[in-house]
Amino acid sequence: MTIFDELKARGLIAQMTNEDEIKELINNGKAVFYIGFDPTADSLHVGHFMALCLMKRLQMAGNRPIALIGGGTAMIGDPSGRTDMRSMMTRETIQHNCDCFKKQMERFIEFGEGKAQMVNNADWLMDLNYIEVLREVGACFSVNNMLRAECYKQRMEKGLSFLEFNYMIMQSYDFYYLYKNYDCNFQFGGNDQWSNMLGGTELIRRKLGKDAHAMTITLLLNSEGKKMGKTASGAVWLDPNKTSPYDFYQYWRNVGDDDVLKCIRMLTFLPLEQIDAMDSWEGSQLNTAKEILAYELTKLVHGEEEAEKAQSAAKALFVSGGASADMPTTELSESDLTDGKAFVADLLVLGKMAPSKGEAKRLIQQGGILADDVKVERFDASVTAEQLAGDGIVLKKGKKTYRRFQIK
């Protein structure tokens, strides 16, 4: 099976331009492709997972990825999939986020001479002259066509700023610049980016002639992947300081029955033959599939040792019903207590088991929180410093989310 056939078999490709040429490039290791990442936070999250895994697969087949960090486009903000405008970030914050991204990407992609490259579009976008952009780039875009793009249509009723309206032009210019200066012959992106990517392909042809071979592929679930990055308790980050390896494992362990095999096929590097054999699994076998998914992805992001710890902790909690030394723990200091006690609602927020104190109180009132296996009855319930000493207490949310809290 060729690498192109494998991408299709794993369900990673939704639509493309120039299929025959793309197939030839990918299968022969001649593809120089880019995927963009806007640094809107100081960590990548699971919504970026598919793109990172795709870059890894293609690099393993001899192709060269370009990880484009959107230090310039982040100054504008991508309107795709949003109902409001992003808050503006400073250049210092954007640069810090870019640096964090590279460290995380190095777990997936091998950078270096003749290998993967990381570039920042701030290096060319920030120096553009406004009049030059209008004359040289703006003239290639039809406002009528832009307004038909899904990323803009969904914002028209609530309001779309002129700043965000320029995002498509900037992203298109990225491809044009990479094509000219980095020999980048095609781009990958999510199906929510299709209009923007077609804009880049068309810009190259308009500026460099119809014979310019600019090609585009969209990933099947990348826009869903962005949704996957969010949970009721916030985002699921790749940074272990923001989402612990255990919580990361649990996130994948708890995917829906209908999604588990799809995720295994798209995101793991298990052989397709092994995955195909799971297609008939049902009932308790799907729980085994979820454990496989969680272990493989935790190993990929955090390493085998952390994956083993997370799996061990999960089995101790859900198989034998007991606590584990590897259980995720929030260590408290005396400053976290008031008059020698801490409210359970505050602990839920500190431990990222709830995104806000209001949500924590709602969970308590609905009977969804246990403290050392005893239901917390009152929204203003508290625990004492003595209870938090030694092994501390274990708070449980629902059936599958646990966290230990203890005084340092």
Protein backbone atom coordinates (compact mmCIF):
# COMPACT_ATOMS: atom_id res chain seq x y z
CA MET A 1 0.00 0.00 0.00
CA THR A 2 1.38 3.42 -0.95
CA ILE A 3 1.43 6.28 1.56
CA PHE A 4 -1.29 8.04 -0.45
CA ASP A 5 -3.48 4.93 -0.32
CA GLU A 6 -2.85 4.68 3.42
CA LEU A 7 -3.93 8.28 4.00
CA LYS A 8 -7.17 7.56 2.17
CA ALA A 9 -7.70 4.24 3.96
CA ARG A 10 -7.28 5.98 7.31
CA GLY A 11 -9.94 8.52 6.33
CA LEU A 12 -7.59 11.49 6.40
CA ILE A 13 -8.31 13.05 3.01
CA ALA A 14 -11.59 14.78 2.29
CA GLN A 15 -10.97 16.65 -0.95
CA MET A 16 -8.08 17.87 -3.06
CA THR A 17 -6.99 19.53 -6.26
CA ASN A 18 -4.65 17.82 -8.77
CA GLU A 19 -5.09 14.33 -7.30
CA ASP A 20 -2.80 12.51 -9.75
CA GLU A 21 0.07 14.93 -9.23
CA ILE A 22 -0.37 14.92 -5.46
CA LYS A 23 -0.34 11.13 -5.43
CA GLU A 24 2.87 11.06 -7.48
CA LEU A 25 4.62 13.58 -5.21
CA ILE A 26 3.61 11.94 -1.93
CA ASN A 27 4.35 8.38 -3.02
CA ASN A 28 7.80 9.32 -4.30
CA GLY A 29 8.80 11.45 -1.32
CA LYS A 30 8.89 14.64 -3.39
CA ALA A 31 6.27 16.61 -1.49
CA VAL A 32 7.27 19.82 0.26
CA PHE A 33 4.10 20.77 2.09
CA TYR A 34 3.03 23.13 4.81
CA ILE A 35 0.43 23.13 7.55
CA GLY A 36 -0.27 26.31 9.50
CA PHE A 37 -0.66 26.71 13.26
CA ASP A 38 -1.79 30.03 14.72
CA PRO A 39 -0.13 30.55 18.13
CA THR A 40 -3.24 31.63 20.05
CA ALA A 41 -2.07 29.83 23.22
CA ASP A 42 1.23 28.68 24.74
CA SER A 43 0.49 25.02 23.98
CA LEU A 44 -0.87 22.91 21.17
CA HIS A 45 -4.02 20.95 22.00
CA VAL A 46 -5.63 17.73 20.79
CA GLY A 47 -7.35 19.65 18.01
CA HIS A 48 -3.91 19.92 16.38
CA PHE A 49 -3.31 16.19 16.74
CA MET A 50 -4.38 15.09 13.29
CA ALA A 51 -2.18 17.65 11.55
CA LEU A 52 0.86 16.66 13.64
CA CYS A 53 0.30 12.95 12.99
CA LEU A 54 -0.13 13.62 9.27
CA MET A 55 3.16 15.53 9.15
CA LYS A 56 4.87 12.65 10.91
CA ARG A 57 3.41 10.05 8.51
CA LEU A 58 4.46 12.00 5.43
CA GLN A 59 7.94 12.68 6.78
CA MET A 60 8.39 8.97 7.50
CA ALA A 61 7.61 8.41 3.79
CA GLY A 62 10.41 10.78 2.74
CA ASN A 63 8.44 13.99 2.28
CA ARG A 64 9.42 17.35 3.80
CA PRO A 65 7.02 19.20 6.12
CA ILE A 66 7.03 22.91 6.76
CA ALA A 67 5.44 23.85 10.07
CA LEU A 68 4.18 27.37 9.51
CA ILE A 69 3.69 29.27 12.74
CA GLY A 70 1.26 32.13 12.23
CA GLY A 71 3.08 34.86 14.13
CA GLY A 72 1.76 37.33 11.56
CA THR A 73 -1.75 35.98 10.97
CA ALA A 74 -2.23 35.73 14.73
CA MET A 75 -2.14 39.53 14.74
CA ILE A 76 -5.37 39.38 12.70
CA GLY A 77 -7.19 36.27 13.91
CA ASP A 78 -8.87 33.50 11.93
CA PRO A 79 -12.68 33.94 11.84
CA SER A 80 -13.23 30.26 10.90
CA GLY A 81 -15.48 28.48 13.36
CA ARG A 82 -15.82 31.51 15.63
CA THR A 83 -18.84 33.53 16.62
CA ASP A 84 -16.85 36.50 17.92
CA MET A 85 -13.53 38.22 17.40
CA ARG A 86 -10.43 36.94 19.17
CA SER A 87 -8.79 39.20 21.73
CA MET A 88 -5.69 40.94 20.40
CA MET A 89 -2.33 39.55 21.52
CA THR A 90 0.95 41.40 21.91
CA ARG A 91 3.95 40.51 19.77
CA GLU A 92 5.75 39.27 22.88
CA THR A 93 2.94 36.86 23.74
CA ILE A 94 2.78 35.59 20.18
CA GLN A 95 6.54 34.97 20.09
CA HIS A 96 6.41 33.12 23.41
CA ASN A 97 3.64 30.89 22.07
CA CYS A 98 5.63 30.23 18.88
CA ASP A 99 8.61 29.06 20.96
CA CYS A 100 6.37 26.72 22.96
CA PHE A 101 4.89 25.24 19.78
CA LYS A 102 8.28 24.29 18.39
CA LYS A 103 9.27 22.37 21.52
CA GLN A 104 6.08 20.33 21.34
CA MET A 105 6.30 19.72 17.60
CA GLU A 106 9.78 18.25 17.99
CA ARG A 107 8.16 15.19 19.58
CA PHE A 108 6.41 14.49 16.29
CA ILE A 109 8.59 15.96 13.54
CA GLU A 110 12.33 15.80 12.92
CA PHE A 111 13.67 19.27 12.16
CA GLY A 112 17.00 19.98 10.52
CA GLU A 113 18.89 20.33 7.25
CA GLY A 114 16.98 18.54 4.51
CA LYS A 115 14.26 17.56 6.98
CA ALA A 116 11.34 19.51 8.40
CA GLN A 117 11.45 23.28 8.65
CA MET A 118 9.69 25.67 10.95
CA VAL A 119 8.96 29.15 9.63
CA ASN A 120 7.05 32.10 11.02
CA ASN A 121 4.89 34.15 8.67
CA ALA A 122 5.63 37.24 10.75
CA ASP A 123 8.98 37.24 8.91
CA TRP A 124 7.27 38.30 5.68
CA LEU A 125 3.79 39.54 6.61
CA MET A 126 4.97 42.15 9.11
CA ASP A 127 7.10 43.88 6.48
CA LEU A 128 4.38 44.16 3.84
CA ASN A 129 3.35 47.61 2.72
CA TYR A 130 -0.41 48.20 2.84
CA ILE A 131 -0.62 49.77 -0.61
CA GLU A 132 1.55 46.98 -2.01
CA VAL A 133 -0.80 44.35 -0.59
CA LEU A 134 -3.82 46.10 -2.08
CA ARG A 135 -2.23 46.38 -5.53
CA GLU A 136 -0.32 43.12 -5.79
CA VAL A 137 -2.48 40.73 -3.76
CA GLY A 138 -5.89 42.33 -3.24
CA ALA A 139 -6.42 42.67 -6.97
CA CYS A 140 -6.41 38.85 -7.25
CA PHE A 141 -9.39 38.36 -4.95
CA SER A 142 -13.10 38.73 -5.64
CA VAL A 143 -15.04 40.14 -2.70
CA ASN A 144 -18.13 38.32 -3.99
CA ASN A 145 -16.32 34.98 -3.81
CA MET A 146 -14.86 35.74 -0.40
CA LEU A 147 -18.28 36.50 1.05
CA ARG A 148 -19.52 33.14 -0.19
CA ALA A 149 -16.84 31.37 1.86
CA GLU A 150 -18.26 29.53 4.86
CA CYS A 151 -15.76 31.09 7.26
CA TYR A 152 -17.21 34.53 6.45
CA LYS A 153 -20.87 33.66 5.88
CA GLN A 154 -21.33 32.34 9.41
CA ARG A 155 -20.10 35.65 10.84
CA MET A 156 -22.05 38.08 8.68
CA GLU A 157 -25.09 38.26 10.93
CA LYS A 158 -23.16 38.80 14.16
CA GLY A 159 -20.56 41.04 12.57
CA LEU A 160 -17.26 40.50 10.81
CA SER A 161 -14.47 43.02 11.31
CA PHE A 162 -12.47 44.30 8.35
CA LEU A 163 -9.40 43.07 10.22
CA GLU A 164 -10.62 39.45 10.12
CA PHE A 165 -11.83 39.85 6.54
CA ASN A 166 -8.16 40.10 5.53
CA TYR A 167 -7.28 36.71 7.03
CA MET A 168 -7.96 34.81 3.79
CA ILE A 169 -5.68 37.16 1.87
CA MET A 170 -2.88 36.74 4.42
CA GLN A 171 -3.16 32.95 4.48
CA SER A 172 -3.21 32.86 0.69
CA TYR A 173 -0.11 35.03 0.60
CA ASP A 174 1.62 32.54 2.90
CA PHE A 175 1.30 29.79 0.31
CA TYR A 176 2.44 32.14 -2.45
CA TYR A 177 5.52 33.13 -0.42
CA LEU A 178 6.39 29.55 0.57
CA TYR A 179 5.93 28.40 -3.03
CA LYS A 180 8.39 31.01 -4.28
CA ASN A 181 10.95 30.88 -1.49
CA TYR A 182 10.79 27.38 0.02
CA ASP A 183 9.84 25.21 -2.99
CA CYS A 184 6.59 24.34 -1.18
CA ASN A 185 4.45 22.55 -3.73
CA PHE A 186 1.24 22.03 -1.78
CA GLN A 187 -0.63 22.69 1.42
CA PHE A 188 -2.68 20.69 3.90
CA GLY A 189 -5.41 22.01 6.15
CA GLY A 190 -8.77 21.32 7.71
CA ASN A 191 -12.03 21.36 5.79
CA ASP A 192 -12.85 24.65 7.53
CA GLN A 193 -9.81 26.11 5.75
CA TRP A 194 -10.76 24.99 2.23
CA SER A 195 -11.73 28.45 0.94
CA ASN A 196 -8.54 30.00 2.34
CA MET A 197 -6.39 27.31 0.76
CA LEU A 198 -8.08 27.61 -2.61
CA GLY A 199 -7.33 31.31 -2.36
CA GLY A 200 -3.63 30.51 -2.03
CA THR A 201 -3.70 28.14 -4.99
CA GLU A 202 -5.47 30.72 -7.14
CA LEU A 203 -3.10 33.51 -6.06
CA ILE A 204 -0.09 31.48 -7.22
CA ARG A 205 -1.68 30.85 -10.59
CA ARG A 206 -2.71 34.49 -11.01
CA LYS A 207 0.74 35.80 -10.10
CA LEU A 208 2.97 33.13 -11.62
CA GLY A 209 0.93 31.83 -14.52
CA LYS A 210 -1.52 29.01 -15.10
CA ASP A 211 1.28 26.45 -15.35
CA ALA A 212 2.24 26.94 -11.70
CA HIS A 213 1.40 23.66 -9.96
CA ALA A 214 -0.03 24.74 -6.63
CA MET A 215 -1.99 21.97 -4.95
CA THR A 216 -4.33 21.66 -2.02
CA ILE A 217 -5.58 18.88 0.23
CA THR A 218 -7.99 19.07 3.15
CA LEU A 219 -8.05 16.73 6.09
CA LEU A 220 -11.32 15.03 6.82
CA LEU A 221 -11.81 15.90 10.48
CA ASN A 222 -9.51 18.76 11.28
CA SER A 223 -12.37 21.15 12.01
CA GLU A 224 -13.90 18.48 14.26
CA GLY A 225 -10.46 18.11 15.77
CA LYS A 226 -10.63 21.71 16.92
CA LYS A 227 -13.86 20.85 18.73
CA MET A 228 -12.16 17.78 20.16
CA GLY A 229 -9.65 20.11 21.79
CA LYS A 230 -12.34 21.41 24.14
CA THR A 231 -14.07 19.63 26.99
CA ALA A 232 -16.49 20.75 29.67
CA SER A 233 -13.49 21.50 31.88
CA GLY A 234 -11.55 23.48 29.26
CA ALA A 235 -8.97 22.57 26.64
CA VAL A 236 -7.01 19.32 26.44
CA TRP A 237 -3.44 20.48 25.97
CA LEU A 238 -0.30 18.66 24.86
CA ASP A 239 1.71 20.51 27.53
CA PRO A 240 1.87 18.18 30.60
CA ASN A 241 1.81 21.22 32.89
CA LYS A 242 -1.58 22.21 31.51
CA THR A 243 -3.10 18.73 31.01
CA SER A 244 -1.40 15.94 32.96
CA PRO A 245 -0.50 12.71 31.13
CA TYR A 246 -3.15 10.94 33.24
CA ASP A 247 -5.87 13.44 32.25
CA PHE A 248 -4.71 13.22 28.64
CA TYR A 249 -5.01 9.42 28.81
CA GLN A 250 -8.46 9.70 30.38
CA TYR A 251 -9.63 12.08 27.67
CA TRP A 252 -9.00 9.46 25.00
CA ARG A 253 -10.18 6.60 27.24
CA ASN A 254 -13.56 8.32 27.42
CA VAL A 255 -14.22 8.90 23.71
CA GLY A 256 -17.60 7.71 22.45
CA ASP A 257 -18.14 4.17 21.20
CA ASP A 258 -18.89 5.49 17.71
CA ASP A 259 -15.61 7.43 17.54
CA VAL A 260 -13.02 5.10 19.03
CA LEU A 261 -12.13 3.07 15.93
CA LYS A 262 -12.21 6.18 13.78
CA CYS A 263 -9.71 7.83 16.13
CA ILE A 264 -7.49 4.74 16.20
CA ARG A 265 -7.46 4.66 12.41
CA MET A 266 -6.70 8.35 11.99
CA LEU A 267 -4.42 9.14 14.91
CA THR A 268 -2.40 6.06 15.86
CA PHE A 269 0.44 4.44 13.94
CA LEU A 270 -0.89 0.92 14.44
CA PRO A 271 -0.94 -1.16 11.22
CA LEU A 272 -4.17 -0.93 9.26
CA GLU A 273 -4.47 -4.72 9.30
CA GLN A 274 -4.59 -4.67 13.10
CA ILE A 275 -7.16 -1.87 13.10
CA ASP A 276 -9.30 -3.57 10.45
CA ALA A 277 -9.50 -6.60 12.72
CA MET A 278 -11.14 -4.38 15.36
CA ASP A 279 -14.00 -3.34 13.07
CA SER A 280 -16.22 -6.13 14.37
CA TRP A 281 -15.54 -5.33 18.03
CA GLU A 282 -18.50 -4.41 20.20
CA GLY A 283 -19.54 -4.29 23.84
CA SER A 284 -16.66 -4.73 26.28
CA GLN A 285 -14.23 -5.01 23.35
CA LEU A 286 -14.80 -1.33 22.64
CA ASN A 287 -13.45 -0.56 26.12
CA THR A 288 -10.31 -2.45 25.17
CA ALA A 289 -10.13 -0.39 21.98
CA LYS A 290 -10.39 2.80 24.04
CA GLU A 291 -7.54 1.66 26.26
CA ILE A 292 -5.43 0.99 23.16
CA LEU A 293 -6.25 4.44 21.77
CA ALA A 294 -5.49 6.20 25.05
CA TYR A 295 -2.21 4.34 25.57
CA GLU A 296 -0.93 4.84 22.02
CA LEU A 297 -1.66 8.57 21.94
CA THR A 298 -0.32 9.19 25.45
CA LYS A 299 2.87 7.37 24.47
CA LEU A 300 3.14 9.46 21.33
CA VAL A 301 2.81 12.78 23.19
CA HIS A 302 4.31 12.08 26.61
CA GLY A 303 6.49 9.01 26.13
CA GLU A 304 6.14 5.35 27.03
CA GLU A 305 6.89 5.77 30.74
CA GLU A 306 4.11 8.31 31.27
CA ALA A 307 1.72 6.20 29.20
CA GLU A 308 2.45 3.19 31.43
CA LYS A 309 1.86 5.27 34.57
CA ALA A 310 -1.42 6.65 33.26
CA GLN A 311 -2.65 3.21 32.25
CA SER A 312 -1.65 1.77 35.62
CA ALA A 313 -3.44 4.54 37.50
CA ALA A 314 -6.56 4.12 35.38
CA LYS A 315 -6.68 0.37 35.95
CA ALA A 316 -6.21 0.80 39.69
CA LEU A 317 -9.15 3.20 39.79
CA PHE A 318 -11.57 1.59 37.39
CA VAL A 319 -10.70 -2.10 37.54
CA SER A 320 -9.85 -2.70 41.20
CA GLY A 321 -11.56 0.44 42.51
CA GLY A 322 -8.52 1.53 44.51
CA ALA A 323 -6.29 4.59 44.47
CA SER A 324 -2.88 4.64 42.83
CA ALA A 325 0.40 6.39 43.44
CA ASP A 326 0.14 7.60 39.86
CA MET A 327 -3.25 9.23 40.39
CA PRO A 328 -3.22 12.88 39.25
CA THR A 329 -2.63 15.05 42.29
CA THR A 330 -3.04 18.71 43.10
CA GLU A 331 -0.69 19.80 45.85
CA LEU A 332 -1.95 22.61 48.03
CA SER A 333 -0.21 25.11 50.25
CA GLU A 334 -1.46 26.79 53.39
CA SER A 335 -2.28 29.87 51.30
CA ASP A 336 -4.92 27.82 49.46
CA LEU A 337 -6.82 27.38 52.75
CA THR A 338 -8.98 29.83 54.66
CA ASP A 339 -9.18 29.37 58.42
CA GLY A 340 -7.72 25.89 58.06
CA LYS A 341 -10.16 24.62 55.47
CA ALA A 342 -10.82 24.62 51.71
CA PHE A 343 -14.15 24.66 49.93
CA VAL A 344 -14.75 21.65 47.68
CA ALA A 345 -15.92 23.96 44.90
CA ASP A 346 -12.57 25.80 45.04
CA LEU A 347 -10.68 22.52 44.89
CA LEU A 348 -12.59 21.44 41.80
CA VAL A 349 -11.48 24.62 40.05
CA LEU A 350 -7.88 24.36 41.30
CA GLY A 351 -7.71 20.79 40.06
CA LYS A 352 -9.25 21.76 36.70
CA MET A 353 -12.16 19.40 37.30
CA ALA A 354 -14.50 22.33 36.68
CA PRO A 355 -13.87 25.47 34.59
CA SER A 356 -15.41 27.86 37.13
CA LYS A 357 -16.69 28.02 40.68
CA GLY A 358 -20.25 28.37 39.39
CA GLU A 359 -19.90 25.15 37.39
CA ALA A 360 -18.33 23.43 40.42
CA LYS A 361 -21.31 24.36 42.58
CA ARG A 362 -23.69 23.11 39.90
CA LEU A 363 -21.90 19.73 39.82
CA ILE A 364 -22.16 19.48 43.62
CA GLN A 365 -25.84 20.41 43.67
CA GLN A 366 -26.56 17.76 41.04
CA GLY A 367 -24.90 15.11 43.21
CA GLY A 368 -22.03 14.54 40.82
CA ILE A 369 -19.12 14.97 43.28
CA LEU A 370 -17.78 12.45 45.81
CA ALA A 371 -15.10 13.13 48.43
CA ASP A 372 -13.42 9.87 49.49
CA ASP A 373 -16.44 8.02 48.07
CA VAL A 374 -18.94 10.08 50.07
CA LYS A 375 -21.36 12.27 48.13
CA VAL A 376 -20.83 15.99 48.68
CA GLU A 377 -24.29 17.24 49.63
CA ARG A 378 -23.82 21.02 50.01
CA PHE A 379 -22.42 23.48 47.48
CA ASP A 380 -20.52 25.22 50.32
CA ALA A 381 -19.02 21.97 51.67
CA SER A 382 -15.41 22.17 52.80
CA VAL A 383 -12.56 19.93 53.92
CA THR A 384 -10.07 20.58 56.71
CA ALA A 385 -6.30 20.82 56.70
CA GLU A 386 -6.21 17.55 58.66
CA GLN A 387 -8.15 15.78 55.90
CA LEU A 388 -5.76 17.16 53.31
CA ALA A 389 -2.66 16.04 55.23
CA GLY A 390 -0.95 12.71 54.59
CA ASP A 391 -2.61 10.92 51.67
CA GLY A 392 -5.09 13.78 51.30
CA ILE A 393 -8.59 13.31 49.89
CA VAL A 394 -9.79 12.04 46.53
CA LEU A 395 -12.50 13.95 44.71
CA LYS A 396 -14.45 12.09 42.06
CA LYS A 397 -16.53 13.72 39.33
CA GLY A 398 -18.99 11.38 37.69
CA LYS A 399 -17.77 7.84 37.10
CA LYS A 400 -14.38 8.41 35.53
CA THR A 401 -12.68 11.60 36.74
CA TYR A 402 -10.60 11.43 39.91
CA ARG A 403 -8.03 13.71 41.54
CA ARG A 404 -6.16 13.63 44.82
CA PHE A 405 -5.76 16.85 46.83
CA GLN A 406 -3.17 17.09 49.58
CA ILE A 407 -1.15 19.59 51.55
CA LYS A 408 2.50 19.74 50.48
